[in-house]
N, C-alpha and C. Protein backbone atom coordinates (compact mmCIF):
# COMPACT_ATOMS: atom_id res chain seq x y z
N MET A 1 9.19 36.29 -355.54
CA MET A 1 9.03 37.15 -356.69
C MET A 1 10.34 37.86 -356.94
N SER A 2 10.52 38.29 -358.15
CA SER A 2 11.78 38.94 -358.52
C SER A 2 11.50 40.33 -359.10
N PHE A 3 12.61 41.05 -359.20
CA PHE A 3 12.49 42.36 -359.81
C PHE A 3 12.35 42.22 -361.34
N ILE A 4 12.92 41.15 -361.87
CA ILE A 4 12.90 40.92 -363.30
C ILE A 4 11.79 39.93 -363.59
N HIS A 5 10.98 40.24 -364.58
CA HIS A 5 9.90 39.32 -364.94
C HIS A 5 10.46 38.06 -365.55
N ASP A 6 9.67 37.01 -365.51
CA ASP A 6 10.11 35.72 -365.99
C ASP A 6 10.47 35.69 -367.44
N THR A 7 9.87 36.52 -368.25
CA THR A 7 10.16 36.51 -369.69
C THR A 7 11.05 37.70 -370.03
N ALA A 8 11.95 37.47 -370.97
CA ALA A 8 12.85 38.54 -371.41
C ALA A 8 12.01 39.55 -372.24
N PRO A 9 12.38 40.83 -372.14
CA PRO A 9 11.65 41.78 -372.91
C PRO A 9 11.92 41.64 -374.42
N PRO A 10 10.98 41.94 -375.25
CA PRO A 10 11.19 41.84 -376.67
C PRO A 10 12.27 42.84 -377.10
N GLU A 11 12.87 42.55 -378.24
CA GLU A 11 13.90 43.44 -378.76
C GLU A 11 13.27 44.80 -379.11
N PRO A 12 14.05 45.88 -378.98
CA PRO A 12 13.49 47.18 -379.32
C PRO A 12 13.00 47.20 -380.77
N GLY A 13 11.92 47.87 -380.99
CA GLY A 13 11.31 47.92 -382.33
C GLY A 13 10.42 46.75 -382.63
N ARG A 14 10.45 45.74 -381.82
CA ARG A 14 9.61 44.57 -382.02
C ARG A 14 8.64 44.39 -380.86
N MET A 15 8.38 45.48 -380.14
CA MET A 15 7.47 45.43 -378.97
C MET A 15 6.06 45.21 -379.48
N PRO A 16 5.34 44.31 -378.84
CA PRO A 16 3.92 44.14 -379.22
C PRO A 16 3.12 45.35 -378.74
N PRO A 17 2.08 45.64 -379.41
CA PRO A 17 1.27 46.77 -378.97
C PRO A 17 0.72 46.51 -377.55
N ALA A 18 0.75 47.57 -376.76
CA ALA A 18 0.24 47.49 -375.38
C ALA A 18 -1.24 47.33 -375.39
N THR A 19 -1.75 46.41 -374.64
CA THR A 19 -3.17 46.25 -374.51
C THR A 19 -3.57 46.57 -373.08
N PRO A 20 -4.74 46.97 -372.87
CA PRO A 20 -5.19 47.31 -371.50
C PRO A 20 -5.04 46.10 -370.57
N GLU A 21 -5.29 44.88 -371.10
CA GLU A 21 -5.16 43.71 -370.23
C GLU A 21 -3.69 43.47 -369.87
N GLY A 22 -2.80 43.65 -370.84
CA GLY A 22 -1.35 43.47 -370.56
C GLY A 22 -0.83 44.49 -369.55
N ILE A 23 -1.31 45.72 -369.73
CA ILE A 23 -0.87 46.75 -368.77
C ILE A 23 -1.40 46.45 -367.38
N GLU A 24 -2.67 46.02 -367.30
CA GLU A 24 -3.25 45.69 -366.02
C GLU A 24 -2.51 44.53 -365.35
N GLN A 25 -2.17 43.52 -366.17
CA GLN A 25 -1.39 42.37 -365.62
C GLN A 25 -0.02 42.83 -365.09
N GLY A 26 0.63 43.67 -365.87
CA GLY A 26 1.91 44.19 -365.44
C GLY A 26 1.83 45.00 -364.17
N LEU A 27 0.80 45.84 -364.09
CA LEU A 27 0.58 46.66 -362.87
C LEU A 27 0.30 45.73 -361.69
N ALA A 28 -0.54 44.69 -361.92
CA ALA A 28 -0.87 43.78 -360.83
C ALA A 28 0.36 43.06 -360.34
N ARG A 29 1.18 42.61 -361.29
CA ARG A 29 2.40 41.90 -360.92
C ARG A 29 3.37 42.85 -360.16
N SER A 30 3.48 44.05 -360.65
CA SER A 30 4.33 45.02 -359.96
C SER A 30 3.82 45.36 -358.57
N GLY A 31 2.48 45.45 -358.46
CA GLY A 31 1.88 45.70 -357.18
C GLY A 31 2.13 44.60 -356.16
N ARG A 32 2.09 43.32 -356.66
CA ARG A 32 2.37 42.18 -355.78
C ARG A 32 3.84 42.22 -355.36
N GLU A 33 4.73 42.55 -356.29
CA GLU A 33 6.17 42.64 -355.93
C GLU A 33 6.39 43.75 -354.89
N ILE A 34 5.75 44.87 -355.09
CA ILE A 34 5.90 46.01 -354.15
C ILE A 34 5.38 45.57 -352.78
N ALA A 35 4.23 44.93 -352.76
CA ALA A 35 3.65 44.47 -351.46
C ALA A 35 4.59 43.49 -350.77
N ALA A 36 5.16 42.55 -351.56
CA ALA A 36 6.08 41.56 -350.94
C ALA A 36 7.35 42.24 -350.42
N LEU A 37 7.86 43.16 -351.19
CA LEU A 37 9.05 43.88 -350.72
C LEU A 37 8.78 44.75 -349.51
N GLN A 38 7.59 45.37 -349.47
CA GLN A 38 7.21 46.20 -348.34
C GLN A 38 7.09 45.30 -347.08
N GLU A 39 6.53 44.10 -347.25
CA GLU A 39 6.43 43.18 -346.14
C GLU A 39 7.83 42.78 -345.60
N ARG A 40 8.73 42.50 -346.53
CA ARG A 40 10.07 42.13 -346.13
C ARG A 40 10.74 43.32 -345.42
N LEU A 41 10.54 44.50 -345.91
CA LEU A 41 11.10 45.70 -345.28
C LEU A 41 10.55 45.88 -343.89
N ASP A 42 9.25 45.73 -343.73
CA ASP A 42 8.60 45.87 -342.41
C ASP A 42 9.16 44.82 -341.45
N GLN A 43 9.35 43.60 -341.90
CA GLN A 43 9.85 42.55 -341.03
C GLN A 43 11.33 42.85 -340.65
N ALA A 44 12.09 43.33 -341.58
CA ALA A 44 13.47 43.69 -341.26
C ALA A 44 13.55 44.84 -340.29
N GLN A 45 12.70 45.85 -340.45
CA GLN A 45 12.71 46.94 -339.52
C GLN A 45 12.24 46.50 -338.13
N ALA A 46 11.28 45.60 -338.05
CA ALA A 46 10.85 45.07 -336.74
C ALA A 46 11.97 44.30 -336.10
N GLU A 47 12.71 43.50 -336.87
CA GLU A 47 13.82 42.76 -336.30
C GLU A 47 14.94 43.66 -335.79
N VAL A 48 15.21 44.73 -336.52
CA VAL A 48 16.25 45.70 -336.08
C VAL A 48 15.78 46.39 -334.80
N GLY A 49 14.52 46.78 -334.75
CA GLY A 49 13.99 47.42 -333.53
C GLY A 49 14.08 46.46 -332.32
N HIS A 50 13.74 45.21 -332.55
CA HIS A 50 13.82 44.22 -331.47
C HIS A 50 15.26 44.05 -331.02
N ALA A 51 16.20 43.95 -331.98
CA ALA A 51 17.59 43.77 -331.62
C ALA A 51 18.13 44.98 -330.84
N ARG A 52 17.71 46.17 -331.24
CA ARG A 52 18.15 47.37 -330.49
C ARG A 52 17.60 47.37 -329.05
N ARG A 53 16.33 47.01 -328.91
CA ARG A 53 15.78 46.97 -327.55
C ARG A 53 16.45 45.90 -326.70
N ARG A 54 16.72 44.75 -327.30
CA ARG A 54 17.38 43.66 -326.56
C ARG A 54 18.81 44.07 -326.18
N ALA A 55 19.54 44.75 -327.11
CA ALA A 55 20.89 45.18 -326.79
C ALA A 55 20.89 46.22 -325.69
N ALA A 56 19.92 47.15 -325.72
CA ALA A 56 19.83 48.17 -324.67
C ALA A 56 19.54 47.51 -323.32
N ALA A 57 18.67 46.52 -323.31
CA ALA A 57 18.35 45.85 -322.07
C ALA A 57 19.59 45.08 -321.55
N ASP A 58 20.34 44.44 -322.47
CA ASP A 58 21.55 43.75 -322.06
C ASP A 58 22.57 44.72 -321.49
N VAL A 59 22.75 45.88 -322.06
CA VAL A 59 23.71 46.89 -321.56
C VAL A 59 23.25 47.37 -320.18
N ALA A 60 21.96 47.60 -320.03
CA ALA A 60 21.48 48.06 -318.72
C ALA A 60 21.72 46.99 -317.63
N LEU A 61 21.48 45.74 -318.00
CA LEU A 61 21.69 44.66 -317.04
C LEU A 61 23.19 44.53 -316.71
N ALA A 62 24.04 44.65 -317.70
CA ALA A 62 25.49 44.56 -317.46
C ALA A 62 25.94 45.70 -316.56
N ARG A 63 25.46 46.88 -316.78
CA ARG A 63 25.78 48.06 -315.93
C ARG A 63 25.33 47.78 -314.49
N SER A 64 24.16 47.23 -314.36
CA SER A 64 23.60 46.96 -313.03
C SER A 64 24.52 46.00 -312.28
N TYR A 65 24.92 44.91 -312.95
CA TYR A 65 25.80 43.96 -312.30
C TYR A 65 27.15 44.53 -311.99
N ALA A 66 27.68 45.35 -312.90
CA ALA A 66 28.99 45.99 -312.68
C ALA A 66 28.91 46.89 -311.45
N LEU A 67 27.88 47.70 -311.36
CA LEU A 67 27.74 48.59 -310.23
C LEU A 67 27.58 47.82 -308.92
N ARG A 68 26.82 46.74 -308.95
CA ARG A 68 26.66 45.88 -307.77
C ARG A 68 27.98 45.28 -307.33
N ASP A 69 28.72 44.77 -308.29
CA ASP A 69 30.03 44.16 -307.97
C ASP A 69 31.00 45.18 -307.42
N MET A 70 31.01 46.38 -307.95
CA MET A 70 31.92 47.39 -307.47
C MET A 70 31.50 47.79 -306.05
N ALA A 71 30.23 47.95 -305.82
CA ALA A 71 29.78 48.29 -304.45
C ALA A 71 30.19 47.21 -303.45
N LEU A 72 30.08 45.96 -303.85
CA LEU A 72 30.51 44.89 -302.95
C LEU A 72 32.02 44.95 -302.72
N ASP A 73 32.81 45.29 -303.73
CA ASP A 73 34.22 45.36 -303.56
C ASP A 73 34.64 46.58 -302.75
N LEU A 74 33.78 47.59 -302.60
CA LEU A 74 34.10 48.76 -301.80
C LEU A 74 33.71 48.59 -300.33
N LEU A 75 32.98 47.56 -300.02
CA LEU A 75 32.59 47.33 -298.61
C LEU A 75 33.75 47.18 -297.68
N PRO A 76 34.79 46.40 -298.02
CA PRO A 76 35.96 46.33 -297.16
C PRO A 76 36.65 47.69 -296.93
N LEU A 77 36.62 48.54 -297.94
CA LEU A 77 37.19 49.90 -297.79
C LEU A 77 36.41 50.65 -296.71
N ARG A 78 35.10 50.59 -296.79
CA ARG A 78 34.28 51.26 -295.79
C ARG A 78 34.60 50.75 -294.39
N ASP A 79 34.72 49.41 -294.29
CA ASP A 79 35.05 48.82 -292.98
C ASP A 79 36.38 49.31 -292.47
N ALA A 80 37.37 49.41 -293.33
CA ALA A 80 38.72 49.85 -292.93
C ALA A 80 38.70 51.31 -292.52
N LEU A 81 37.93 52.13 -293.23
CA LEU A 81 37.85 53.54 -292.85
C LEU A 81 37.08 53.69 -291.50
N GLU A 82 36.04 52.95 -291.32
CA GLU A 82 35.30 52.99 -290.02
C GLU A 82 36.21 52.54 -288.89
N ALA A 83 37.01 51.52 -289.13
CA ALA A 83 37.96 51.04 -288.10
C ALA A 83 38.99 52.09 -287.80
N ALA A 84 39.48 52.80 -288.81
CA ALA A 84 40.44 53.83 -288.61
C ALA A 84 39.84 54.99 -287.80
N LEU A 85 38.59 55.31 -288.09
CA LEU A 85 37.92 56.41 -287.34
C LEU A 85 37.60 56.00 -285.91
N ALA A 86 37.48 54.70 -285.66
CA ALA A 86 37.14 54.25 -284.32
C ALA A 86 38.36 54.18 -283.40
N ILE A 87 39.55 54.31 -283.95
CA ILE A 87 40.76 54.22 -283.12
C ILE A 87 40.77 55.39 -282.13
N ARG A 88 40.86 55.06 -280.87
CA ARG A 88 40.88 56.10 -279.80
C ARG A 88 42.29 56.10 -279.18
N THR A 89 43.21 56.36 -280.00
CA THR A 89 44.56 56.37 -279.49
C THR A 89 45.33 57.53 -280.08
N ALA A 90 46.37 57.90 -279.45
CA ALA A 90 47.23 58.97 -279.95
C ALA A 90 48.29 58.41 -280.83
N ASP A 91 48.22 57.12 -281.09
CA ASP A 91 49.23 56.45 -281.86
C ASP A 91 48.98 56.76 -283.38
N ALA A 92 49.73 57.70 -283.91
CA ALA A 92 49.56 58.09 -285.30
C ALA A 92 49.97 56.96 -286.23
N ALA A 93 50.92 56.13 -285.81
CA ALA A 93 51.38 55.01 -286.67
C ALA A 93 50.21 54.02 -286.92
N ALA A 94 49.44 53.75 -285.90
CA ALA A 94 48.33 52.80 -286.05
C ALA A 94 47.24 53.45 -286.96
N LEU A 95 47.00 54.70 -286.78
CA LEU A 95 46.04 55.36 -287.66
C LEU A 95 46.54 55.37 -289.11
N ARG A 96 47.81 55.67 -289.26
CA ARG A 96 48.39 55.66 -290.62
C ARG A 96 48.31 54.28 -291.25
N ALA A 97 48.60 53.24 -290.49
CA ALA A 97 48.53 51.87 -291.04
C ALA A 97 47.13 51.53 -291.48
N GLY A 98 46.11 51.96 -290.67
CA GLY A 98 44.72 51.71 -291.08
C GLY A 98 44.35 52.45 -292.34
N LEU A 99 44.80 53.67 -292.48
CA LEU A 99 44.49 54.47 -293.65
C LEU A 99 45.22 53.92 -294.88
N GLU A 100 46.45 53.43 -294.70
CA GLU A 100 47.19 52.84 -295.81
C GLU A 100 46.46 51.56 -296.28
N LEU A 101 45.96 50.80 -295.33
CA LEU A 101 45.20 49.59 -295.73
C LEU A 101 43.96 49.99 -296.54
N ALA A 102 43.27 51.02 -296.06
CA ALA A 102 42.08 51.48 -296.79
C ALA A 102 42.44 51.96 -298.19
N CYS A 103 43.58 52.67 -298.32
CA CYS A 103 44.02 53.09 -299.65
C CYS A 103 44.34 51.93 -300.58
N ARG A 104 45.00 50.91 -300.01
CA ARG A 104 45.29 49.70 -300.82
C ARG A 104 44.03 49.01 -301.26
N GLN A 105 43.07 48.90 -300.38
CA GLN A 105 41.83 48.25 -300.75
C GLN A 105 41.05 49.04 -301.84
N PHE A 106 41.12 50.36 -301.69
CA PHE A 106 40.46 51.23 -302.69
C PHE A 106 41.15 51.05 -304.07
N ALA A 107 42.46 51.05 -304.05
CA ALA A 107 43.21 50.92 -305.28
C ALA A 107 42.92 49.54 -305.91
N ALA A 108 42.85 48.53 -305.09
CA ALA A 108 42.53 47.16 -305.61
C ALA A 108 41.15 47.11 -306.24
N ALA A 109 40.19 47.75 -305.58
CA ALA A 109 38.80 47.76 -306.12
C ALA A 109 38.78 48.51 -307.45
N LEU A 110 39.49 49.63 -307.55
CA LEU A 110 39.51 50.38 -308.78
C LEU A 110 40.19 49.56 -309.89
N ALA A 111 41.27 48.90 -309.53
CA ALA A 111 41.97 48.10 -310.52
C ALA A 111 41.10 46.96 -311.07
N ARG A 112 40.29 46.39 -310.21
CA ARG A 112 39.42 45.28 -310.68
C ARG A 112 38.31 45.81 -311.62
N HIS A 113 37.88 47.04 -311.41
CA HIS A 113 36.75 47.49 -312.16
C HIS A 113 37.05 48.47 -313.30
N ALA A 114 38.07 49.30 -313.13
CA ALA A 114 38.30 50.29 -314.16
C ALA A 114 39.77 50.52 -314.40
N GLY A 115 40.61 49.91 -313.66
CA GLY A 115 42.04 50.20 -313.76
C GLY A 115 42.35 51.46 -313.00
N LEU A 116 43.57 51.58 -312.59
CA LEU A 116 44.01 52.79 -311.86
C LEU A 116 44.15 53.92 -312.88
N PRO A 117 43.94 55.17 -312.39
CA PRO A 117 44.13 56.31 -313.30
C PRO A 117 45.51 56.23 -313.98
N GLY A 118 45.53 56.49 -315.27
CA GLY A 118 46.77 56.45 -316.03
C GLY A 118 47.08 55.06 -316.59
N GLU A 119 46.37 54.05 -316.15
CA GLU A 119 46.65 52.68 -316.62
C GLU A 119 45.76 52.24 -317.79
N ARG A 120 44.76 53.02 -318.11
CA ARG A 120 43.87 52.63 -319.21
C ARG A 120 44.62 52.64 -320.53
N SER A 121 44.34 51.67 -321.35
CA SER A 121 44.98 51.65 -322.64
C SER A 121 44.00 51.88 -323.74
């Protein structure tokens, strides 16, 4: 259906007299057009709502995987820190080396997931 009726309107001043049947037919046609447009609007709104819900679910899933991956990348850091804490020696150089390793692992994990502070563009 279209907004414009199939027949062109008569020229001004040459309009036929309005009859109740003609008015009823015009109203019925307009009612059908309104109903069809309302149905299209309802369908479009439903599609938009579905797309929003799907996008929100996709974002939540992506965040979940990102968090999981970052947690897995931080496990070696935890291991290095635990190893540094387990050192029972007075050797400060060994403790320092372990902590430096932990710092490098932490920096690498940050770089993989969010970049180091000051490096974001």
